[in-house]
């Protein structure tokens, strides 16, 4: 899946509510064997799903 960000607002996706929403989409896509890529001008970022540690 691909996300295109307006280059006039390059950091908007790093803030809430967008960031957690993108992480959730990345998690959903990963479960189907895919990944989430974000394009903003010349920047290309793979959005990683949130990582949770399991208590010992």
PDB file of N, CA and C in Angstrom:
ATOM      1  N   UNK A   1       0.850  -1.156   0.000  1.00  0.00           N
ATOM      2  CA  UNK A   1       0.000   0.000   0.000  1.00  0.00           C
ATOM      3  C   UNK A   1       0.903   1.228   0.000  1.00  0.00           C
ATOM      4  N   UNK A   2       0.446   2.283  -0.626  1.00  0.00           N
ATOM      5  CA  UNK A   2       1.230   3.503  -0.767  1.00  0.00           C
ATOM      6  C   UNK A   2       0.467   4.697  -0.219  1.00  0.00           C
ATOM      7  N   UNK A   3       1.190   5.572   0.478  1.00  0.00           N
ATOM      8  CA  UNK A   3       0.639   6.829   0.985  1.00  0.00           C
ATOM      9  C   UNK A   3       1.424   7.954   0.329  1.00  0.00           C
ATOM     10  N   UNK A   4       0.715   8.948  -0.216  1.00  0.00           N
ATOM     11  CA  UNK A   4       1.349  10.126  -0.789  1.00  0.00           C
ATOM     12  C   UNK A   4       1.074  11.313   0.125  1.00  0.00           C
ATOM     13  N   UNK A   5       2.146  12.009   0.525  1.00  0.00           N
ATOM     14  CA  UNK A   5       2.029  13.152   1.425  1.00  0.00           C
ATOM     15  C   UNK A   5       2.319  14.431   0.639  1.00  0.00           C
ATOM     16  N   UNK A   6       1.543  15.462   0.908  1.00  0.00           N
ATOM     17  CA  UNK A   6       1.737  16.764   0.278  1.00  0.00           C
ATOM     18  C   UNK A   6       3.115  17.307   0.670  1.00  0.00           C
ATOM     19  N   UNK A   7       4.014  17.533  -0.288  1.00  0.00           N
ATOM     20  CA  UNK A   7       5.352  18.023   0.033  1.00  0.00           C
ATOM     21  C   UNK A   7       5.346  19.409   0.695  1.00  0.00           C
ATOM     22  N   UNK A   8       4.249  20.136   0.593  1.00  0.00           N
ATOM     23  CA  UNK A   8       4.154  21.426   1.268  1.00  0.00           C
ATOM     24  C   UNK A   8       3.944  21.249   2.776  1.00  0.00           C
ATOM     25  N   UNK A   9       3.590  20.021   3.205  1.00  0.00           N
ATOM     26  CA  UNK A   9       3.374  19.697   4.623  1.00  0.00           C
ATOM     27  C   UNK A   9       4.063  18.368   4.931  1.00  0.00           C
ATOM     28  N   UNK A  10       5.382  18.311   4.808  1.00  0.00           N
ATOM     29  CA  UNK A  10       6.103  17.037   4.852  1.00  0.00           C
ATOM     30  C   UNK A  10       6.086  16.308   6.189  1.00  0.00           C
ATOM     31  N   UNK A  11       5.812  16.992   7.286  1.00  0.00           N
ATOM     32  CA  UNK A  11       5.857  16.331   8.593  1.00  0.00           C
ATOM     33  C   UNK A  11       4.490  16.013   9.173  1.00  0.00           C
ATOM     34  N   UNK A  12       3.433  16.324   8.457  1.00  0.00           N
ATOM     35  CA  UNK A  12       2.094  16.144   9.009  1.00  0.00           C
ATOM     36  C   UNK A  12       1.818  14.684   9.381  1.00  0.00           C
ATOM     37  N   UNK A  13       2.353  13.752   8.630  1.00  0.00           N
ATOM     38  CA  UNK A  13       2.087  12.336   8.892  1.00  0.00           C
ATOM     39  C   UNK A  13       2.767  11.833  10.166  1.00  0.00           C
ATOM     40  N   UNK A  14       3.728  12.566  10.674  1.00  0.00           N
ATOM     41  CA  UNK A  14       4.451  12.161  11.886  1.00  0.00           C
ATOM     42  C   UNK A  14       3.707  12.540  13.171  1.00  0.00           C
ATOM     43  N   UNK A  15       2.589  13.210  13.042  1.00  0.00           N
ATOM     44  CA  UNK A  15       1.816  13.687  14.192  1.00  0.00           C
ATOM     45  C   UNK A  15       0.477  12.952  14.266  1.00  0.00           C
ATOM     46  N   UNK A  16      -0.089  12.964  15.466  1.00  0.00           N
ATOM     47  CA  UNK A  16      -1.393  12.336  15.663  1.00  0.00           C
ATOM     48  C   UNK A  16      -2.489  13.219  15.086  1.00  0.00           C
ATOM     49  N   UNK A  17      -3.529  12.615  14.599  1.00  0.00           N
ATOM     50  CA  UNK A  17      -3.865  11.191  14.662  1.00  0.00           C
ATOM     51  C   UNK A  17      -3.276  10.375  13.518  1.00  0.00           C
ATOM     52  N   UNK A  18      -2.544  11.015  12.630  1.00  0.00           N
ATOM     53  CA  UNK A  18      -2.063  10.337  11.433  1.00  0.00           C
ATOM     54  C   UNK A  18      -1.070   9.218  11.720  1.00  0.00           C
ATOM     55  N   UNK A  19      -0.110   9.457  12.616  1.00  0.00           N
ATOM     56  CA  UNK A  19       0.955   8.477  12.828  1.00  0.00           C
ATOM     57  C   UNK A  19       0.424   7.140  13.329  1.00  0.00           C
ATOM     58  N   UNK A  20      -0.417   7.168  14.357  1.00  0.00           N
ATOM     59  CA  UNK A  20      -0.943   5.900  14.882  1.00  0.00           C
ATOM     60  C   UNK A  20      -1.862   5.225  13.864  1.00  0.00           C
ATOM     61  N   UNK A  21      -2.570   6.026  13.083  1.00  0.00           N
ATOM     62  CA  UNK A  21      -3.408   5.448  12.027  1.00  0.00           C
ATOM     63  C   UNK A  21      -2.582   4.756  10.966  1.00  0.00           C
ATOM     64  N   UNK A  22      -1.473   5.371  10.579  1.00  0.00           N
ATOM     65  CA  UNK A  22      -0.581   4.750   9.594  1.00  0.00           C
ATOM     66  C   UNK A  22       0.046   3.480  10.148  1.00  0.00           C
ATOM     67  N   UNK A  23       0.412   3.489  11.426  1.00  0.00           N
ATOM     68  CA  UNK A  23       0.964   2.278  12.038  1.00  0.00           C
ATOM     69  C   UNK A  23      -0.072   1.154  12.046  1.00  0.00           C
ATOM     70  N   UNK A  24      -1.323   1.474  12.293  1.00  0.00           N
ATOM     71  CA  UNK A  24      -2.373   0.454  12.292  1.00  0.00           C
ATOM     72  C   UNK A  24      -2.562  -0.114  10.883  1.00  0.00           C
ATOM     73  N   UNK A  25      -2.551   0.761   9.885  1.00  0.00           N
ATOM     74  CA  UNK A  25      -2.663   0.290   8.502  1.00  0.00           C
ATOM     75  C   UNK A  25      -1.470  -0.600   8.168  1.00  0.00           C
ATOM     76  N   UNK A  26      -0.264  -0.196   8.596  1.00  0.00           N
ATOM     77  CA  UNK A  26       0.934  -1.007   8.347  1.00  0.00           C
ATOM     78  C   UNK A  26       0.785  -2.388   8.975  1.00  0.00           C
ATOM     79  N   UNK A  27       0.221  -2.439  10.181  1.00  0.00           N
ATOM     80  CA  UNK A  27       0.005  -3.724  10.854  1.00  0.00           C
ATOM     81  C   UNK A  27      -0.967  -4.587  10.064  1.00  0.00           C
ATOM     82  N   UNK A  28      -2.064  -3.998   9.623  1.00  0.00           N
ATOM     83  CA  UNK A  28      -3.073  -4.738   8.861  1.00  0.00           C
ATOM     84  C   UNK A  28      -2.501  -5.253   7.545  1.00  0.00           C
ATOM     85  N   UNK A  29      -1.747  -4.407   6.858  1.00  0.00           N
ATOM     86  CA  UNK A  29      -1.163  -4.789   5.572  1.00  0.00           C
ATOM     87  C   UNK A  29      -0.109  -5.877   5.761  1.00  0.00           C
ATOM     88  N   UNK A  30       0.679  -5.774   6.842  1.00  0.00           N
ATOM     89  CA  UNK A  30       1.712  -6.782   7.103  1.00  0.00           C
ATOM     90  C   UNK A  30       1.089  -8.154   7.334  1.00  0.00           C
ATOM     91  N   UNK A  31      -0.065  -8.200   7.984  1.00  0.00           N
ATOM     92  CA  UNK A  31      -0.744  -9.476   8.222  1.00  0.00           C
ATOM     93  C   UNK A  31      -1.134 -10.162   6.918  1.00  0.00           C
ATOM     94  N   UNK A  32      -1.256  -9.375   5.850  1.00  0.00           N
ATOM     95  CA  UNK A  32      -1.587  -9.915   4.530  1.00  0.00           C
ATOM     96  C   UNK A  32      -0.344 -10.120   3.673  1.00  0.00           C
ATOM     97  N   UNK A  33       0.859  -9.921   4.286  1.00  0.00           N
ATOM     98  CA  UNK A  33       2.106 -10.144   3.568  1.00  0.00           C
ATOM     99  C   UNK A  33       2.631  -8.914   2.837  1.00  0.00           C
ATOM    100  N   UNK A  34       2.050  -7.748   3.102  1.00  0.00           N
ATOM    101  CA  UNK A  34       2.486  -6.533   2.418  1.00  0.00           C
ATOM    102  C   UNK A  34       3.193  -5.574   3.347  1.00  0.00           C
ATOM    103  N   UNK A  35       3.353  -4.359   2.890  1.00  0.00           N
ATOM    104  CA  UNK A  35       3.969  -3.304   3.678  1.00  0.00           C
ATOM    105  C   UNK A  35       3.432  -1.963   3.215  1.00  0.00           C
ATOM    106  N   UNK A  36       3.660  -0.947   4.024  1.00  0.00           N
ATOM    107  CA  UNK A  36       3.154   0.394   3.760  1.00  0.00           C
ATOM    108  C   UNK A  36       4.325   1.319   3.450  1.00  0.00           C
ATOM    109  N   UNK A  37       4.277   1.948   2.292  1.00  0.00           N
ATOM    110  CA  UNK A  37       5.319   2.872   1.857  1.00  0.00           C
ATOM    111  C   UNK A  37       4.720   4.266   1.749  1.00  0.00           C
ATOM    112  N   UNK A  38       5.467   5.250   2.270  1.00  0.00           N
ATOM    113  CA  UNK A  38       5.039   6.638   2.237  1.00  0.00           C
ATOM    114  C   UNK A  38       5.997   7.420   1.341  1.00  0.00           C
ATOM    115  N   UNK A  39       5.429   8.208   0.438  1.00  0.00           N
ATOM    116  CA  UNK A  39       6.200   9.079  -0.440  1.00  0.00           C
ATOM    117  C   UNK A  39       5.861  10.522  -0.113  1.00  0.00           C
ATOM    118  N   UNK A  40       6.891  11.343   0.054  1.00  0.00           N
ATOM    119  CA  UNK A  40       6.708  12.776   0.264  1.00  0.00           C
ATOM    120  C   UNK A  40       7.844  13.484  -0.468  1.00  0.00           C
ATOM    121  N   UNK A  41       7.546  14.022  -1.635  1.00  0.00           N
ATOM    122  CA  UNK A  41       8.607  14.612  -2.452  1.00  0.00           C
ATOM    123  C   UNK A  41       9.627  13.542  -2.795  1.00  0.00           C
ATOM    124  N   UNK A  42      10.894  13.770  -2.435  1.00  0.00           N
ATOM    125  CA  UNK A  42      11.956  12.792  -2.705  1.00  0.00           C
ATOM    126  C   UNK A  42      12.133  11.785  -1.576  1.00  0.00           C
ATOM    127  N   UNK A  43      11.409  11.958  -0.483  1.00  0.00           N
ATOM    128  CA  UNK A  43      11.534  11.061   0.676  1.00  0.00           C
ATOM    129  C   UNK A  43      10.654   9.829   0.491  1.00  0.00           C
ATOM    130  N   UNK A  44      11.220   8.675   0.776  1.00  0.00           N
ATOM    131  CA  UNK A  44      10.485   7.408   0.738  1.00  0.00           C
ATOM    132  C   UNK A  44      10.708   6.725   2.075  1.00  0.00           C
ATOM    133  N   UNK A  45       9.613   6.373   2.762  1.00  0.00           N
ATOM    134  CA  UNK A  45       9.692   5.790   4.096  1.00  0.00           C
ATOM    135  C   UNK A  45       8.813   4.543   4.149  1.00  0.00           C
ATOM    136  N   UNK A  46       9.350   3.477   4.702  1.00  0.00           N
ATOM    137  CA  UNK A  46       8.524   2.304   4.989  1.00  0.00           C
ATOM    138  C   UNK A  46       7.969   2.498   6.396  1.00  0.00           C
ATOM    139  N   UNK A  47       6.652   2.520   6.521  1.00  0.00           N
ATOM    140  CA  UNK A  47       6.000   2.678   7.816  1.00  0.00           C
ATOM    141  C   UNK A  47       5.946   1.308   8.478  1.00  0.00           C
ATOM    142  N   UNK A  48       6.517   1.227   9.658  1.00  0.00           N
ATOM    143  CA  UNK A  48       6.553  -0.034  10.392  1.00  0.00           C
ATOM    144  C   UNK A  48       5.357  -0.110  11.341  1.00  0.00           C
ATOM    145  N   UNK A  49       4.791  -1.301  11.495  1.00  0.00           N
ATOM    146  CA  UNK A  49       3.740  -1.467  12.502  1.00  0.00           C
ATOM    147  C   UNK A  49       4.330  -1.308  13.902  1.00  0.00           C
ATOM    148  N   UNK A  50       3.504  -0.958  14.864  1.00  0.00           N
ATOM    149  CA  UNK A  50       4.022  -0.823  16.228  1.00  0.00           C
ATOM    150  C   UNK A  50       4.563  -2.156  16.719  1.00  0.00           C
ATOM    151  N   UNK A  51       5.648  -2.095  17.478  1.00  0.00           N
ATOM    152  CA  UNK A  51       6.262  -3.296  18.050  1.00  0.00           C
ATOM    153  C   UNK A  51       5.938  -3.337  19.528  1.00  0.00           C
ATOM    154  N   UNK A  52       5.422  -4.441  19.952  1.00  0.00           N
ATOM    155  CA  UNK A  52       5.076  -4.622  21.365  1.00  0.00           C
ATOM    156  C   UNK A  52       5.952  -5.726  21.928  1.00  0.00           C
ATOM    157  N   UNK A  53       6.467  -5.494  23.130  1.00  0.00           N
ATOM    158  CA  UNK A  53       7.250  -6.534  23.784  1.00  0.00           C
ATOM    159  C   UNK A  53       6.344  -7.372  24.665  1.00  0.00           C
ATOM    160  N   UNK A  54       6.678  -8.621  24.773  1.00  0.00           N
ATOM    161  CA  UNK A  54       5.913  -9.549  25.584  1.00  0.00           C
ATOM    162  C   UNK A  54       6.527  -9.576  26.986  1.00  0.00           C
ATOM    163  N   UNK A  55       5.737  -9.365  28.020  1.00  0.00           N
ATOM    164  CA  UNK A  55       6.291  -9.405  29.383  1.00  0.00           C
ATOM    165  C   UNK A  55       6.889 -10.767  29.692  1.00  0.00           C
ATOM    166  N   UNK A  56       7.979 -10.781  30.447  1.00  0.00           N
ATOM    167  CA  UNK A  56       8.655 -12.047  30.790  1.00  0.00           C
ATOM    168  C   UNK A  56       7.929 -12.749  31.913  1.00  0.00           C
TER     169      UNK A  56
END
